[in-house]
Amino acid sequence: MLGPGKAELLERIARTGSIAAAGREMGMSYKRAWMLIETLNAMFRAPLVESTRGGPGGGGAVLTETGQQVLALYRRIEAEAAEAGAGTLRGMQALLRDIPDGK
């Protein structure tokens, strides 16, 4: 439902105030960014992003209160998962070969 790419898109929309600008920063087409936002908005009980059409004053986009909540919860899940898996990750890292600098 929500992964790192969509979360990043939401964060960039919150920062830039624009779906197009957020998508550009991520190297994504405007159409792809809009499609992801439409999917997210349809998936949750309330929209995550509200947008206004361009015109003389230009358009824009903002995260709704639900969008802010969903993003905060997702980031919390990430942090909790990282904390819970830290010991296992250290065990896996201990099995890695030493890799020379620059490789």
C-alpha atoms as a PDB file:
ATOM      1  CA  MET A   1       0.000   0.000   0.000  1.00  0.00           C
ATOM      2  CA  LEU A   2       2.804   2.384   0.851  1.00  0.00           C
ATOM      3  CA  GLY A   3       6.519   1.929   0.361  1.00  0.00           C
ATOM      4  CA  PRO A   4       9.672   4.018   0.337  1.00  0.00           C
ATOM      5  CA  GLY A   5       9.017   5.600  -3.074  1.00  0.00           C
ATOM      6  CA  LYS A   6       5.476   6.744  -2.319  1.00  0.00           C
ATOM      7  CA  ALA A   7       6.552   7.993   1.116  1.00  0.00           C
ATOM      8  CA  GLU A   8       9.349  10.000  -0.488  1.00  0.00           C
ATOM      9  CA  LEU A   9       6.909  11.428  -3.030  1.00  0.00           C
ATOM     10  CA  LEU A  10       4.597  12.524  -0.212  1.00  0.00           C
ATOM     11  CA  GLU A  11       7.489  14.149   1.652  1.00  0.00           C
ATOM     12  CA  ARG A  12       8.612  16.018  -1.436  1.00  0.00           C
ATOM     13  CA  ILE A  13       5.068  17.217  -2.152  1.00  0.00           C
ATOM     14  CA  ALA A  14       4.864  18.510   1.420  1.00  0.00           C
ATOM     15  CA  ARG A  15       8.184  20.333   0.951  1.00  0.00           C
ATOM     16  CA  THR A  16       7.710  21.700  -2.573  1.00  0.00           C
ATOM     17  CA  GLY A  17       3.951  22.235  -2.630  1.00  0.00           C
ATOM     18  CA  SER A  18       3.835  20.624  -6.062  1.00  0.00           C
ATOM     19  CA  ILE A  19       3.245  17.130  -7.424  1.00  0.00           C
ATOM     20  CA  ALA A  20       5.148  18.015 -10.606  1.00  0.00           C
ATOM     21  CA  ALA A  21       8.165  19.384  -8.726  1.00  0.00           C
ATOM     22  CA  ALA A  22       8.219  16.421  -6.356  1.00  0.00           C
ATOM     23  CA  GLY A  23       8.123  14.010  -9.295  1.00  0.00           C
ATOM     24  CA  ARG A  24      10.857  15.913 -11.154  1.00  0.00           C
ATOM     25  CA  GLU A  25      13.121  15.758  -8.097  1.00  0.00           C
ATOM     26  CA  MET A  26      12.681  11.998  -8.103  1.00  0.00           C
ATOM     27  CA  GLY A  27      13.293  11.653 -11.852  1.00  0.00           C
ATOM     28  CA  MET A  28       9.681  10.659 -12.410  1.00  0.00           C
ATOM     29  CA  SER A  29       7.276  11.895 -15.049  1.00  0.00           C
ATOM     30  CA  TYR A  30       4.411  14.166 -14.083  1.00  0.00           C
ATOM     31  CA  LYS A  31       1.985  11.497 -15.262  1.00  0.00           C
ATOM     32  CA  ARG A  32       3.589   8.816 -13.068  1.00  0.00           C
ATOM     33  CA  ALA A  33       3.602  11.086 -10.004  1.00  0.00           C
ATOM     34  CA  TRP A  34      -0.077  11.934 -10.536  1.00  0.00           C
ATOM     35  CA  MET A  35      -0.948   8.273 -11.008  1.00  0.00           C
ATOM     36  CA  LEU A  36       0.723   7.360  -7.710  1.00  0.00           C
ATOM     37  CA  ILE A  37      -1.093  10.153  -5.874  1.00  0.00           C
ATOM     38  CA  GLU A  38      -4.437   9.154  -7.409  1.00  0.00           C
ATOM     39  CA  THR A  39      -3.806   5.568  -6.268  1.00  0.00           C
ATOM     40  CA  LEU A  40      -2.926   6.685  -2.745  1.00  0.00           C
ATOM     41  CA  ASN A  41      -5.918   9.009  -2.536  1.00  0.00           C
ATOM     42  CA  ALA A  42      -8.248   6.195  -3.618  1.00  0.00           C
ATOM     43  CA  MET A  43      -6.690   3.689  -1.225  1.00  0.00           C
ATOM     44  CA  PHE A  44      -7.310   5.544   2.029  1.00  0.00           C
ATOM     45  CA  ARG A  45     -10.587   6.660   3.591  1.00  0.00           C
ATOM     46  CA  ALA A  46      -9.661  10.298   3.018  1.00  0.00           C
ATOM     47  CA  PRO A  47      -7.320  11.815   0.409  1.00  0.00           C
ATOM     48  CA  LEU A  48      -3.645  12.144   1.318  1.00  0.00           C
ATOM     49  CA  VAL A  49      -2.966  14.976  -1.138  1.00  0.00           C
ATOM     50  CA  GLU A  50      -5.163  17.858  -2.217  1.00  0.00           C
ATOM     51  CA  SER A  51      -4.271  19.780  -5.350  1.00  0.00           C
ATOM     52  CA  THR A  52      -5.398  22.937  -7.065  1.00  0.00           C
ATOM     53  CA  ARG A  53      -5.242  23.469 -10.806  1.00  0.00           C
ATOM     54  CA  GLY A  54      -2.802  25.883 -12.328  1.00  0.00           C
ATOM     55  CA  GLY A  55      -3.863  29.257 -13.570  1.00  0.00           C
ATOM     56  CA  PRO A  56      -2.720  32.851 -13.240  1.00  0.00           C
ATOM     57  CA  GLY A  57      -1.560  32.205  -9.667  1.00  0.00           C
ATOM     58  CA  GLY A  58      -0.339  28.679 -10.425  1.00  0.00           C
ATOM     59  CA  GLY A  59      -1.517  25.447  -8.922  1.00  0.00           C
ATOM     60  CA  GLY A  60      -0.194  23.496  -6.015  1.00  0.00           C
ATOM     61  CA  ALA A  61      -0.550  20.503  -3.765  1.00  0.00           C
ATOM     62  CA  VAL A  62      -0.540  19.914  -0.026  1.00  0.00           C
ATOM     63  CA  LEU A  63      -0.661  16.895   2.225  1.00  0.00           C
ATOM     64  CA  THR A  64      -3.942  16.650   4.039  1.00  0.00           C
ATOM     65  CA  GLU A  65      -4.085  15.907   7.751  1.00  0.00           C
ATOM     66  CA  THR A  66      -4.621  12.255   6.796  1.00  0.00           C
ATOM     67  CA  GLY A  67      -1.616  12.429   4.479  1.00  0.00           C
ATOM     68  CA  GLN A  68       0.558  13.777   7.277  1.00  0.00           C
ATOM     69  CA  GLN A  69      -0.719  11.043   9.615  1.00  0.00           C
ATOM     70  CA  VAL A  70      -0.118   8.251   7.108  1.00  0.00           C
ATOM     71  CA  LEU A  71       3.403   9.500   6.354  1.00  0.00           C
ATOM     72  CA  ALA A  72       4.264   9.794  10.064  1.00  0.00           C
ATOM     73  CA  LEU A  73       2.931   6.287  10.742  1.00  0.00           C
ATOM     74  CA  TYR A  74       4.908   4.857   7.817  1.00  0.00           C
ATOM     75  CA  ARG A  75       8.132   6.488   9.045  1.00  0.00           C
ATOM     76  CA  ARG A  76       7.428   5.122  12.538  1.00  0.00           C
ATOM     77  CA  ILE A  77       6.996   1.612  11.109  1.00  0.00           C
ATOM     78  CA  GLU A  78      10.335   1.987   9.323  1.00  0.00           C
ATOM     79  CA  ALA A  79      12.100   3.112  12.502  1.00  0.00           C
ATOM     80  CA  GLU A  80      10.581   0.312  14.582  1.00  0.00           C
ATOM     81  CA  ALA A  81      11.529  -2.290  11.972  1.00  0.00           C
ATOM     82  CA  ALA A  82      15.107  -0.978  11.811  1.00  0.00           C
ATOM     83  CA  GLU A  83      15.390  -1.112  15.587  1.00  0.00           C
ATOM     84  CA  ALA A  84      13.915  -4.612  15.806  1.00  0.00           C
ATOM     85  CA  GLY A  85      16.172  -5.948  13.048  1.00  0.00           C
ATOM     86  CA  ALA A  86      19.403  -4.246  14.127  1.00  0.00           C
ATOM     87  CA  GLY A  87      20.876  -7.343  15.797  1.00  0.00           C
ATOM     88  CA  THR A  88      20.055  -9.582  12.856  1.00  0.00           C
ATOM     89  CA  LEU A  89      21.516  -7.040  10.439  1.00  0.00           C
ATOM     90  CA  ARG A  90      24.751  -6.898  12.464  1.00  0.00           C
ATOM     91  CA  GLY A  91      24.920 -10.707  12.286  1.00  0.00           C
ATOM     92  CA  MET A  92      24.577 -10.624   8.508  1.00  0.00           C
ATOM     93  CA  GLN A  93      27.141  -7.829   8.191  1.00  0.00           C
ATOM     94  CA  ALA A  94      29.607  -9.917  10.198  1.00  0.00           C
ATOM     95  CA  LEU A  95      29.418 -12.576   7.467  1.00  0.00           C
ATOM     96  CA  LEU A  96      30.320 -10.175   4.662  1.00  0.00           C
ATOM     97  CA  ARG A  97      33.745 -10.145   3.074  1.00  0.00           C
ATOM     98  CA  ASP A  98      35.934  -7.142   3.592  1.00  0.00           C
ATOM     99  CA  ILE A  99      35.531  -5.009   0.501  1.00  0.00           C
ATOM    100  CA  PRO A 100      38.482  -2.841  -0.548  1.00  0.00           C
ATOM    101  CA  ASP A 101      37.883   0.900  -0.715  1.00  0.00           C
ATOM    102  CA  GLY A 102      36.369   2.119  -3.956  1.00  0.00           C
ATOM    103  CA  LYS A 103      34.606  -1.137  -4.813  1.00  0.00           C
END
